[in-house]
Amino acid sequence: MDDTKKRAQSRCSFFLGKLEAKQSLRQEDKGWALKFLRRPRAFCQIRNKMEEDRAATDIGPTVSGELNGDPEPVEKKPKRRFIGRKAAEAKAAAKAEQNGGDAANLEDSGAIQVAPKRRPARALNNVPEEILNDPAINEAIALLPRNYNFEIHKTIHRIRTSGATKIALQMPEGLLLFATTISDILTAFCPGTETLIMGDVTYGACCVDDFTARALGCDLLVHYAHSCLIPVNVTGGIKTLYVFVDIQIDVEHLLATIERNFRAGSTIAMVGTIQFNATLHGTAPQLRAAGYNVLIPQITPLSKGEILGCTSPHLPNKDTGEAEKKVDCILYLGDGRFHLESAMIHNPSIPAYRYDPYSRRLTHEIYDHGTLLADRGKALQQARKAKKWGLILGSLGRQGNPHTLQLIEAYLRDRGIPFINLLLSEIFPGKLAMMEEVECWVQVACPRLSIDWGYAFPRPLLTPYEALVVLGGRESWEGKGVKGGSGELEAGTYPMDYYSKEGLGRVKAEDVAGRKSCKAAS
């Protein structure tokens, strides 16, 4: 046996004796170490590597020091006196002067050095196992429809961790029949809490009602079936949890329906509501594998494939000069036409189809664009002659953006047009007819109210976009193009980009201030 191997075995035997006597080690750690250290060659390699690393980096005591238990002597140094900013700056300046005017070292500088902020780690699924696997919770969830994901586990975890005691539940009318069951589950597994079901109508994500929830003393608002349209920093007065209510459907029937009705090689733009967004993204790869060119468009900041009744992407087609990206048809996944009509208005030359996951029917949908443009054009003509305007700020949830209202007010003041302000949660023709002196109304609430029902009002009822067209703030769809949040459109296309990144539903205070400063400069 050579000397190296003898020394290694001797060292291992010595260490094994000390390790076996150390009772503070966990049994599993001791067993692993004993098994490893009985291999002298491996131990020597690891030991030598540790010595090299420590010599290179000077990160701590040597292996020999650890084995022998002899601590290395530490040089005692006097504690450093605290030096104030002025004294530190004077010292740094003196040192720089001694060095011939060179700048002092960073460590001698009196300036405060700020370390860059580290981005906190995000937990993609931080619901603990004891909640996910709780048989009582899972048994209660079984009372709800199996294909509806109300995210009860996440809600219970959020209530427990946030310390909320009064929870407001807000959901559209179609889900209210499940509200009492959800309320019972949450109160049963979150002792000491109280739930409040909000009964006001909820048309969409813009109706998130944090104002009412706060007024009722709630400290957590759970909003169901819509995405986070209003930023959480805007609803910062109360903690808000958004539950998309993902709905599982018969995917096999959807795929078979598409393959039966659309030829392979077609370019299909698939869109839908947030409830079916997961299904949308899940079926796209399967359709691509079947030979279809599937496009899931996005209008930021909405999710890919998500559309709203007032916001949808503008798609390339044969009239835009992008033949290689031409979309053959729009396929909407969802019930009803309200959201699909937004995409149809924004893309008048692309055929649209709707797959209803409840009836499992595929229908070809048509929109009367001529009537739409004629009605809205007539409203603009009447508004240009109006001598007094009325501005309505919607108070149903967060429908009304005060900054959008202020932007329109600024244009009216520039032109010397008198106006009045009105606050309404719901807008009815009879209500507005009582104020006969107002010759034109602008509603900062829901653009579809003017588009769908504008003909029913005795006076023109404009959207914010239409008001700015009349006042010279935006180009009309009747001209060469419309420059808005979705870019430049071809003539004759009515824009549907209200909640896009630069849409009028997202006007900020600085946008209003910037317009005023530009006006003053000119």
Protein backbone atom coordinates (compact mmCIF):
# COMPACT_ATOMS: atom_id res chain seq x y z
CA MET A 1 0.00 0.00 0.00
CA ASP A 2 1.51 3.37 -1.00
CA ASP A 3 2.02 6.23 1.46
CA THR A 4 -0.79 8.37 -0.01
CA LYS A 5 -3.41 5.69 0.53
CA LYS A 6 -2.13 5.00 4.06
CA ARG A 7 -2.37 8.66 4.97
CA ALA A 8 -5.89 8.87 3.52
CA GLN A 9 -7.09 5.86 5.48
CA SER A 10 -5.49 7.20 8.65
CA ARG A 11 -7.20 10.55 8.15
CA CYS A 12 -10.55 8.86 7.44
CA SER A 13 -10.27 6.70 10.57
CA PHE A 14 -9.49 9.76 12.66
CA PHE A 15 -12.45 11.67 11.24
CA LEU A 16 -14.81 8.73 11.60
CA GLY A 17 -14.05 8.55 15.30
CA LYS A 18 -14.80 12.23 15.82
CA LEU A 19 -17.94 12.00 13.66
CA GLU A 20 -19.35 8.99 15.54
CA ALA A 21 -18.86 10.79 18.85
CA LYS A 22 -20.76 13.85 17.66
CA GLN A 23 -24.31 13.10 18.81
CA SER A 24 -25.76 16.41 17.60
CA LEU A 25 -25.79 15.25 13.97
CA ARG A 26 -29.06 13.99 12.55
CA GLN A 27 -29.07 10.22 12.12
CA GLU A 28 -29.60 10.41 8.34
CA ASP A 29 -26.75 12.94 7.96
CA LYS A 30 -24.44 10.78 10.09
CA GLY A 31 -25.24 7.68 8.03
CA TRP A 32 -24.54 9.49 4.76
CA ALA A 33 -21.25 10.90 6.03
CA LEU A 34 -20.08 7.53 7.40
CA LYS A 35 -20.87 5.82 4.12
CA PHE A 36 -19.05 8.47 2.11
CA LEU A 37 -15.95 8.71 4.32
CA ARG A 38 -15.28 4.97 4.14
CA ARG A 39 -14.11 5.65 0.56
CA PRO A 40 -10.59 7.08 1.16
CA ARG A 41 -9.81 7.99 -2.43
CA ALA A 42 -13.02 10.00 -2.87
CA PHE A 43 -12.42 11.66 0.48
CA CYS A 44 -8.90 12.71 -0.52
CA GLN A 45 -10.14 14.17 -3.81
CA ILE A 46 -12.85 16.18 -2.11
CA ARG A 47 -10.43 17.30 0.61
CA ASN A 48 -7.83 18.50 -1.91
CA LYS A 49 -10.51 20.30 -3.92
CA MET A 50 -11.75 22.06 -0.78
CA GLU A 51 -8.21 23.16 0.08
CA GLU A 52 -7.69 24.58 -3.43
CA ASP A 53 -11.00 26.44 -3.38
CA ARG A 54 -10.42 27.93 0.04
CA ALA A 55 -6.90 28.99 -0.90
CA ALA A 56 -8.26 30.72 -3.99
CA THR A 57 -11.20 32.47 -2.36
CA ASP A 58 -10.26 32.63 1.34
CA ILE A 59 -13.81 31.79 2.40
CA GLY A 60 -13.09 30.12 5.71
CA PRO A 61 -10.97 27.74 7.75
CA THR A 62 -9.07 24.87 6.18
CA VAL A 63 -10.20 21.27 6.24
CA SER A 64 -7.38 20.43 8.65
CA GLY A 65 -8.54 23.14 10.97
CA GLU A 66 -12.07 21.78 10.91
CA LEU A 67 -10.89 18.22 11.53
CA ASN A 68 -8.50 19.05 14.34
CA GLY A 69 -10.87 21.49 15.93
CA ASP A 70 -8.12 24.08 16.39
CA PRO A 71 -9.53 27.53 15.67
CA GLU A 72 -7.25 29.89 13.82
CA PRO A 73 -6.26 32.99 15.76
CA VAL A 74 -8.26 36.06 14.85
CA GLU A 75 -6.61 39.43 14.92
CA LYS A 76 -8.46 41.78 17.23
CA LYS A 77 -9.26 45.15 15.73
CA PRO A 78 -10.74 48.20 17.44
CA LYS A 79 -14.32 48.99 16.57
CA ARG A 80 -14.68 51.54 13.82
CA ARG A 81 -15.91 54.88 15.01
CA PHE A 82 -19.04 56.27 13.39
CA ILE A 83 -18.12 59.13 11.08
CA GLY A 84 -20.76 61.59 9.99
CA ARG A 85 -21.35 62.65 6.41
CA LYS A 86 -19.47 65.96 6.68
CA ALA A 87 -16.44 64.37 8.33
CA ALA A 88 -16.39 61.56 5.76
CA GLU A 89 -16.61 64.00 2.85
CA ALA A 90 -13.82 66.13 4.30
CA LYS A 91 -11.63 63.06 4.79
CA ALA A 92 -12.31 61.89 1.23
CA ALA A 93 -11.50 65.32 -0.19
CA ALA A 94 -8.23 65.47 1.78
CA LYS A 95 -7.21 62.05 0.56
CA ALA A 96 -8.01 62.99 -3.03
CA GLU A 97 -5.90 66.12 -2.69
CA GLN A 98 -2.97 64.07 -1.35
CA ASN A 99 -3.26 61.76 -4.37
CA GLY A 100 -2.71 64.66 -6.73
CA GLY A 101 -6.33 65.58 -7.26
CA ASP A 102 -7.49 62.07 -8.17
CA ALA A 103 -10.89 61.01 -7.02
CA ALA A 104 -11.00 59.17 -3.71
CA ASN A 105 -11.78 55.49 -3.56
CA LEU A 106 -15.40 54.50 -3.45
CA GLU A 107 -15.02 53.11 0.06
CA ASP A 108 -13.65 56.44 1.31
CA SER A 109 -16.41 58.46 -0.29
CA GLY A 110 -19.06 60.07 1.83
CA ALA A 111 -21.74 59.28 -0.73
CA ILE A 112 -24.34 56.69 0.19
CA GLN A 113 -24.10 53.65 -2.05
CA VAL A 114 -27.47 52.09 -2.83
CA ALA A 115 -27.46 48.44 -3.74
CA PRO A 116 -29.66 47.56 -6.73
CA LYS A 117 -33.06 46.24 -5.77
CA ARG A 118 -33.43 42.53 -6.07
CA ARG A 119 -36.60 41.32 -7.66
CA PRO A 120 -38.46 39.21 -5.12
CA ALA A 121 -39.01 35.60 -6.10
CA ARG A 122 -42.54 34.89 -7.26
CA ALA A 123 -44.32 31.77 -6.17
CA LEU A 124 -46.32 30.48 -9.11
CA ASN A 125 -48.47 28.30 -6.91
CA ASN A 126 -48.11 29.14 -3.26
CA VAL A 127 -51.28 27.45 -2.02
CA PRO A 128 -50.06 25.03 0.68
CA GLU A 129 -50.64 21.31 0.38
CA GLU A 130 -52.74 21.18 3.55
CA ILE A 131 -55.36 23.31 1.76
CA LEU A 132 -55.10 21.63 -1.64
CA ASN A 133 -55.40 18.15 -0.13
CA ASP A 134 -57.89 18.91 2.62
CA PRO A 135 -60.64 16.27 2.12
CA ALA A 136 -63.28 18.45 3.77
CA ILE A 137 -62.55 21.39 1.46
CA ASN A 138 -62.50 19.17 -1.61
CA GLU A 139 -65.78 17.57 -0.58
CA ALA A 140 -67.37 21.01 -0.28
CA ILE A 141 -66.00 22.09 -3.67
CA ALA A 142 -67.66 19.02 -5.21
CA LEU A 143 -71.00 20.75 -4.61
CA LEU A 144 -70.10 23.25 -7.36
CA PRO A 145 -70.12 22.37 -11.10
CA ARG A 146 -67.13 20.20 -11.90
CA ASN A 147 -66.19 22.08 -15.08
CA TYR A 148 -66.26 25.52 -13.38
CA ASN A 149 -63.04 26.47 -11.58
CA PHE A 150 -63.93 28.98 -8.85
CA GLU A 151 -60.41 28.67 -7.36
CA ILE A 152 -61.74 28.00 -3.87
CA HIS A 153 -58.36 26.76 -2.59
CA LYS A 154 -56.63 29.98 -3.63
CA THR A 155 -59.41 32.11 -2.18
CA ILE A 156 -59.26 30.35 1.19
CA HIS A 157 -55.48 30.75 1.26
CA ARG A 158 -55.76 34.44 0.39
CA ILE A 159 -58.32 35.05 3.15
CA ARG A 160 -56.22 33.25 5.75
CA THR A 161 -52.92 34.92 4.83
CA SER A 162 -54.34 38.43 4.41
CA GLY A 163 -56.21 38.34 7.71
CA ALA A 164 -59.41 39.52 6.02
CA THR A 165 -62.54 39.30 8.15
CA LYS A 166 -65.19 40.73 5.81
CA ILE A 167 -65.13 39.55 2.21
CA ALA A 168 -67.18 40.98 -0.66
CA LEU A 169 -68.12 38.58 -3.48
CA GLN A 170 -68.88 40.20 -6.85
CA MET A 171 -69.91 38.20 -9.89
CA PRO A 172 -72.03 38.58 -13.05
CA GLU A 173 -75.68 37.59 -12.92
CA GLY A 174 -75.03 34.28 -14.66
CA LEU A 175 -72.99 33.06 -11.68
CA LEU A 176 -75.11 34.45 -8.85
CA LEU A 177 -76.85 31.09 -8.42
CA PHE A 178 -73.53 29.75 -7.05
CA ALA A 179 -72.90 32.74 -4.78
CA THR A 180 -74.50 31.35 -1.62
CA THR A 181 -72.69 28.02 -1.94
CA ILE A 182 -69.34 29.77 -2.37
CA SER A 183 -70.16 32.02 0.58
CA ASP A 184 -70.92 29.03 2.82
CA ILE A 185 -67.68 27.28 1.83
CA LEU A 186 -65.52 30.33 2.53
CA THR A 187 -67.08 31.06 5.93
CA ALA A 188 -66.91 27.38 6.94
CA PHE A 189 -63.18 27.06 6.28
CA CYS A 190 -62.18 30.59 7.29
CA PRO A 191 -63.55 30.89 10.85
CA GLY A 192 -64.27 34.38 12.08
CA THR A 193 -64.98 35.76 8.61
CA GLU A 194 -68.11 37.24 7.11
CA THR A 195 -69.05 37.30 3.43
CA LEU A 196 -71.18 39.81 1.59
CA ILE A 197 -72.69 39.05 -1.84
CA MET A 198 -72.88 42.19 -3.99
CA GLY A 199 -76.13 42.24 -5.92
CA ASP A 200 -75.60 45.21 -8.24
CA VAL A 201 -75.44 44.38 -11.94
CA THR A 202 -71.96 43.51 -13.23
CA TYR A 203 -71.58 43.89 -16.99
CA GLY A 204 -67.84 43.35 -17.21
CA ALA A 205 -64.40 43.82 -15.71
CA CYS A 206 -64.90 47.60 -15.79
CA CYS A 207 -67.63 47.18 -13.15
CA VAL A 208 -65.32 46.02 -10.35
CA ASP A 209 -66.92 47.82 -7.40
CA ASP A 210 -64.16 48.51 -4.90
CA PHE A 211 -65.86 51.76 -3.84
CA THR A 212 -68.98 50.00 -2.53
CA ALA A 213 -66.95 47.19 -0.96
CA ARG A 214 -64.88 49.71 0.98
CA ALA A 215 -67.95 51.68 1.99
CA LEU A 216 -69.44 48.49 3.45
CA GLY A 217 -66.34 47.88 5.55
CA CYS A 218 -64.96 44.96 3.54
CA ASP A 219 -61.21 44.33 3.54
CA LEU A 220 -61.11 41.88 0.60
CA LEU A 221 -63.00 41.92 -2.71
CA VAL A 222 -63.23 38.73 -4.79
CA HIS A 223 -64.26 39.55 -8.37
CA TYR A 224 -65.39 36.59 -10.49
CA ALA A 225 -65.42 35.85 -14.23
CA HIS A 226 -63.38 38.82 -15.47
CA SER A 227 -59.72 39.65 -15.93
CA CYS A 228 -57.85 42.40 -14.13
CA LEU A 229 -58.88 45.26 -16.40
CA ILE A 230 -58.59 47.98 -13.77
CA PRO A 231 -55.03 47.92 -12.32
CA VAL A 232 -54.80 46.84 -8.69
CA ASN A 233 -52.91 50.04 -7.84
CA VAL A 234 -56.04 51.94 -8.86
CA THR A 235 -58.23 49.82 -6.58
CA GLY A 236 -55.56 50.15 -3.91
CA GLY A 237 -57.96 51.04 -1.12
CA ILE A 238 -58.98 47.38 -0.78
CA LYS A 239 -57.27 44.08 -1.53
CA THR A 240 -58.75 42.56 -4.68
CA LEU A 241 -58.61 38.97 -5.91
CA TYR A 242 -59.63 38.18 -9.50
CA VAL A 243 -61.01 34.71 -10.22
CA PHE A 244 -61.31 34.02 -13.96
CA VAL A 245 -63.68 31.05 -13.49
CA ASP A 246 -62.03 28.90 -16.12
CA ILE A 247 -64.67 26.70 -17.78
CA GLN A 248 -63.76 23.29 -19.19
CA ILE A 249 -65.57 22.29 -22.38
CA ASP A 250 -65.70 19.35 -24.78
CA VAL A 251 -62.46 20.01 -26.65
CA GLU A 252 -62.80 16.95 -28.88
CA HIS A 253 -66.11 18.22 -30.25
CA LEU A 254 -64.61 21.67 -30.86
CA LEU A 255 -61.69 20.20 -32.82
CA ALA A 256 -63.96 17.93 -34.83
CA THR A 257 -66.27 20.86 -35.65
CA ILE A 258 -63.37 22.99 -36.89
CA GLU A 259 -61.93 20.18 -39.02
CA ARG A 260 -65.35 19.53 -40.54
CA ASN A 261 -66.08 23.17 -41.47
CA PHE A 262 -62.70 24.76 -42.28
CA ARG A 263 -60.21 23.51 -44.83
CA ALA A 264 -56.67 22.68 -43.73
CA GLY A 265 -54.21 25.49 -44.40
CA SER A 266 -56.69 28.21 -43.43
CA THR A 267 -55.51 31.06 -41.22
CA ILE A 268 -57.88 31.24 -38.25
CA ALA A 269 -57.76 33.99 -35.63
CA MET A 270 -59.10 32.45 -32.42
CA VAL A 271 -60.52 34.77 -29.74
CA GLY A 272 -62.80 34.43 -26.74
CA THR A 273 -63.65 35.57 -23.24
CA ILE A 274 -61.31 34.99 -20.32
CA GLN A 275 -63.32 31.94 -19.14
CA PHE A 276 -62.28 30.00 -22.26
CA ASN A 277 -58.79 31.44 -22.65
CA ALA A 278 -57.08 28.30 -21.36
CA THR A 279 -59.06 26.14 -23.81
CA LEU A 280 -58.13 28.55 -26.60
CA HIS A 281 -54.41 28.15 -25.96
CA GLY A 282 -54.75 24.42 -25.39
CA THR A 283 -56.43 23.68 -28.72
CA ALA A 284 -54.19 25.89 -30.86
CA PRO A 285 -51.23 23.44 -30.96
CA GLN A 286 -53.56 20.57 -31.89
CA LEU A 287 -55.06 22.58 -34.74
CA ARG A 288 -51.60 23.56 -35.99
CA ALA A 289 -50.64 19.89 -35.98
CA ALA A 290 -53.75 19.23 -38.10
CA GLY A 291 -52.52 21.70 -40.74
CA TYR A 292 -54.25 24.92 -39.69
CA ASN A 293 -52.48 28.24 -39.33
CA VAL A 294 -53.84 29.36 -35.97
CA LEU A 295 -53.34 32.93 -34.82
CA ILE A 296 -54.14 34.02 -31.26
CA PRO A 297 -54.12 37.83 -31.54
CA GLN A 298 -53.56 40.25 -28.70
CA ILE A 299 -54.40 43.86 -28.02
CA THR A 300 -52.28 44.87 -25.06
CA PRO A 301 -52.64 44.91 -22.13
CA LEU A 302 -55.31 42.19 -22.47
CA SER A 303 -54.25 38.55 -22.54
CA LYS A 304 -53.58 36.82 -25.85
CA GLY A 305 -56.88 35.80 -27.38
CA GLU A 306 -58.97 37.82 -24.91
CA ILE A 307 -61.47 40.34 -26.25
CA LEU A 308 -63.96 42.68 -24.61
CA GLY A 309 -67.16 44.20 -25.88
CA CYS A 310 -65.31 47.50 -26.39
CA THR A 311 -61.75 46.28 -27.08
CA SER A 312 -60.45 43.86 -29.69
CA PRO A 313 -57.38 43.57 -31.95
CA HIS A 314 -57.27 44.82 -35.52
CA LEU A 315 -56.23 41.93 -37.76
CA PRO A 316 -54.35 41.95 -41.09
CA ASN A 317 -56.50 41.19 -44.12
CA LYS A 318 -56.62 41.53 -47.89
CA ASP A 319 -57.32 45.28 -47.63
CA THR A 320 -54.29 46.14 -45.46
CA GLY A 321 -51.57 45.16 -47.91
CA GLU A 322 -50.38 42.28 -45.74
CA ALA A 323 -51.43 39.37 -47.94
CA GLU A 324 -48.86 37.01 -46.40
CA LYS A 325 -50.44 37.55 -42.98
CA LYS A 326 -54.02 37.57 -44.21
CA VAL A 327 -56.55 36.14 -41.77
CA ASP A 328 -59.22 34.02 -43.43
CA CYS A 329 -61.71 34.11 -40.57
CA ILE A 330 -62.30 34.92 -36.91
CA LEU A 331 -63.41 32.07 -34.66
CA TYR A 332 -64.95 33.18 -31.38
CA LEU A 333 -65.24 30.76 -28.48
CA GLY A 334 -68.05 31.74 -26.12
CA ASP A 335 -71.77 32.23 -25.72
CA GLY A 336 -73.57 35.32 -26.98
CA ARG A 337 -72.50 37.90 -29.55
CA PHE A 338 -71.57 40.89 -27.40
CA HIS A 339 -67.81 40.31 -27.30
CA LEU A 340 -67.64 38.96 -30.84
CA GLU A 341 -69.34 42.08 -32.21
CA SER A 342 -66.38 44.11 -30.99
CA ALA A 343 -64.03 42.08 -33.20
CA MET A 344 -66.50 42.23 -36.10
CA ILE A 345 -66.76 46.03 -35.90
CA HIS A 346 -62.97 46.36 -35.75
CA ASN A 347 -62.45 43.93 -38.66
CA PRO A 348 -65.33 44.52 -41.10
CA SER A 349 -63.81 42.57 -44.02
CA ILE A 350 -63.03 39.32 -42.16
CA PRO A 351 -65.75 36.63 -41.84
CA ALA A 352 -66.64 35.76 -38.24
CA TYR A 353 -67.82 32.47 -36.74
CA ARG A 354 -68.98 31.65 -33.23
CA TYR A 355 -68.68 28.31 -31.47
CA ASP A 356 -71.07 28.10 -28.52
CA PRO A 357 -69.60 25.62 -26.00
CA TYR A 358 -72.99 25.14 -24.32
CA SER A 359 -75.12 24.36 -27.37
CA ARG A 360 -72.05 22.99 -29.23
CA ARG A 361 -73.10 24.81 -32.39
CA LEU A 362 -70.96 26.68 -34.92
CA THR A 363 -72.67 29.69 -36.53
CA HIS A 364 -71.64 32.24 -39.13
CA GLU A 365 -72.21 35.72 -37.67
CA ILE A 366 -72.95 38.89 -39.66
CA TYR A 367 -72.84 42.55 -38.58
CA ASP A 368 -74.55 45.48 -40.32
CA HIS A 369 -71.58 47.84 -40.62
CA GLY A 370 -73.41 50.20 -42.96
CA THR A 371 -76.13 50.98 -40.43
CA LEU A 372 -73.55 51.41 -37.67
CA LEU A 373 -71.48 53.96 -39.59
CA ALA A 374 -74.57 55.79 -40.83
CA ASP A 375 -76.07 56.12 -37.34
CA ARG A 376 -72.81 57.24 -35.76
CA GLY A 377 -72.12 59.65 -38.60
CA LYS A 378 -75.55 61.23 -38.12
CA ALA A 379 -74.86 61.62 -34.39
CA LEU A 380 -71.60 63.45 -35.16
CA GLN A 381 -73.35 65.85 -37.53
CA GLN A 382 -75.90 66.76 -34.86
CA ALA A 383 -73.18 67.14 -32.22
CA ARG A 384 -71.25 69.65 -34.34
CA LYS A 385 -74.28 71.98 -34.17
CA ALA A 386 -74.88 71.57 -30.43
CA LYS A 387 -74.52 74.72 -28.30
CA LYS A 388 -74.56 73.01 -24.91
CA TRP A 389 -73.07 69.66 -23.99
CA GLY A 390 -73.62 67.26 -21.13
CA LEU A 391 -70.87 64.97 -19.85
CA ILE A 392 -71.87 61.75 -18.05
CA LEU A 393 -69.41 59.96 -15.79
CA GLY A 394 -70.48 56.36 -15.22
CA SER A 395 -70.51 55.42 -11.54
CA LEU A 396 -71.18 51.69 -11.99
CA GLY A 397 -68.01 50.26 -10.55
CA ARG A 398 -64.99 51.66 -12.39
CA GLN A 399 -66.74 52.32 -15.70
CA GLY A 400 -66.14 56.05 -15.55
CA ASN A 401 -62.56 57.31 -15.88
CA PRO A 402 -62.37 60.87 -14.41
CA HIS A 403 -59.24 61.65 -16.46
CA THR A 404 -61.09 60.88 -19.70
CA LEU A 405 -63.82 63.27 -18.57
CA GLN A 406 -61.23 65.97 -17.81
CA LEU A 407 -59.68 65.53 -21.25
CA ILE A 408 -63.02 66.18 -22.95
CA GLU A 409 -63.67 69.12 -20.61
CA ALA A 410 -60.37 70.69 -21.70
CA TYR A 411 -61.37 70.51 -25.38
CA LEU A 412 -64.78 72.03 -24.64
CA ARG A 413 -63.22 74.91 -22.68
CA ASP A 414 -60.79 75.61 -25.53
CA ARG A 415 -63.76 76.05 -27.87
CA GLY A 416 -65.88 77.99 -25.41
CA ILE A 417 -68.67 75.40 -25.40
CA PRO A 418 -70.70 75.35 -22.15
CA PHE A 419 -71.31 71.97 -20.53
CA ILE A 420 -72.70 70.30 -17.43
CA ASN A 421 -71.50 67.19 -15.62
CA LEU A 422 -73.76 64.34 -14.60
CA LEU A 423 -73.03 61.27 -12.48
CA LEU A 424 -75.06 58.16 -13.37
CA SER A 425 -74.76 54.45 -12.65
CA GLU A 426 -77.22 53.54 -15.42
CA ILE A 427 -78.07 55.72 -18.43
CA PHE A 428 -81.68 55.74 -19.68
CA PRO A 429 -83.29 57.84 -22.45
CA GLY A 430 -86.03 59.09 -20.12
CA LYS A 431 -83.52 60.41 -17.61
CA LEU A 432 -81.63 62.45 -20.20
CA ALA A 433 -84.84 63.70 -21.82
CA MET A 434 -85.59 65.63 -18.60
CA MET A 435 -82.70 68.03 -19.37
CA GLU A 436 -83.96 69.52 -22.62
CA GLU A 437 -81.40 72.35 -22.71
CA VAL A 438 -78.56 69.85 -23.32
CA GLU A 439 -78.20 69.32 -27.08
CA CYS A 440 -75.44 66.68 -27.03
CA TRP A 441 -74.42 64.06 -24.48
CA VAL A 442 -71.08 62.32 -24.02
CA GLN A 443 -71.03 59.23 -21.81
CA VAL A 444 -67.75 58.14 -20.21
CA ALA A 445 -69.03 54.72 -19.21
CA CYS A 446 -69.46 52.03 -21.88
CA PRO A 447 -68.84 52.77 -25.59
CA ARG A 448 -71.24 50.00 -26.59
CA LEU A 449 -74.11 51.91 -24.99
CA SER A 450 -73.81 54.57 -27.71
CA ILE A 451 -73.03 52.10 -30.50
CA ASP A 452 -75.87 49.68 -29.71
CA TRP A 453 -78.54 51.98 -28.25
CA GLY A 454 -77.63 55.48 -29.37
CA TYR A 455 -80.58 55.61 -31.77
CA ALA A 456 -83.00 55.33 -28.82
CA PHE A 457 -81.92 58.63 -27.24
CA PRO A 458 -83.56 61.92 -28.23
CA ARG A 459 -80.18 63.72 -28.36
CA PRO A 460 -76.84 62.46 -29.71
CA LEU A 461 -75.13 60.20 -27.19
CA LEU A 462 -71.43 60.10 -28.06
CA THR A 463 -68.57 57.92 -26.93
CA PRO A 464 -65.34 59.65 -25.77
CA TYR A 465 -63.75 58.83 -29.13
CA GLU A 466 -66.65 60.36 -31.06
CA ALA A 467 -66.58 63.46 -28.84
CA LEU A 468 -62.90 64.01 -29.62
CA VAL A 469 -63.61 63.53 -33.33
CA VAL A 470 -66.13 66.38 -33.16
CA LEU A 471 -63.78 68.54 -31.07
CA GLY A 472 -60.75 67.91 -33.26
CA GLY A 473 -58.85 65.61 -30.92
CA ARG A 474 -59.07 62.46 -33.06
CA GLU A 475 -59.45 61.70 -36.77
CA SER A 476 -62.78 60.33 -37.91
CA TRP A 477 -63.20 56.83 -39.33
CA GLU A 478 -64.68 58.56 -42.37
CA GLY A 479 -61.28 60.02 -43.30
CA LYS A 480 -58.07 58.41 -44.47
CA GLY A 481 -57.59 56.53 -41.24
CA VAL A 482 -58.10 56.46 -37.52
CA LYS A 483 -55.05 56.96 -35.33
CA GLY A 484 -55.79 55.43 -31.96
CA GLY A 485 -54.63 52.76 -29.56
CA SER A 486 -54.67 50.11 -32.29
CA GLY A 487 -52.67 52.10 -34.83
CA GLU A 488 -53.84 53.44 -38.19
CA LEU A 489 -56.88 51.78 -39.72
CA GLU A 490 -58.23 51.84 -43.23
CA ALA A 491 -61.06 54.25 -43.98
CA GLY A 492 -64.49 53.06 -42.96
CA THR A 493 -63.32 51.05 -39.94
CA TYR A 494 -64.75 52.08 -36.60
CA PRO A 495 -62.06 51.59 -33.90
CA MET A 496 -62.73 49.30 -30.93
CA ASP A 497 -59.70 49.98 -28.72
CA TYR A 498 -61.22 51.62 -25.65
CA TYR A 499 -59.18 49.68 -23.08
CA SER A 500 -56.08 49.17 -25.21
CA LYS A 501 -52.74 50.40 -23.93
CA GLU A 502 -53.33 53.88 -25.34
CA GLY A 503 -57.12 53.75 -25.45
CA LEU A 504 -59.39 56.44 -24.06
CA GLY A 505 -60.46 54.17 -21.23
CA ARG A 506 -56.91 54.39 -19.85
CA VAL A 507 -56.34 58.15 -19.95
CA LYS A 508 -54.08 59.26 -17.09
CA ALA A 509 -53.64 62.57 -15.30
CA GLU A 510 -50.36 63.21 -17.12
CA ASP A 511 -52.15 62.79 -20.47
CA VAL A 512 -54.51 65.62 -19.57
CA ALA A 513 -51.66 67.76 -18.21
CA GLY A 514 -49.55 67.06 -21.30
CA ARG A 515 -52.32 68.22 -23.59
CA LYS A 516 -52.71 71.44 -21.60
CA SER A 517 -48.97 72.13 -21.74
CA CYS A 518 -48.94 71.53 -25.52
CA LYS A 519 -51.86 73.96 -25.89
CA ALA A 520 -50.06 76.61 -23.84
CA ALA A 521 -46.85 76.18 -25.86
CA SER A 522 -48.67 76.63 -29.17
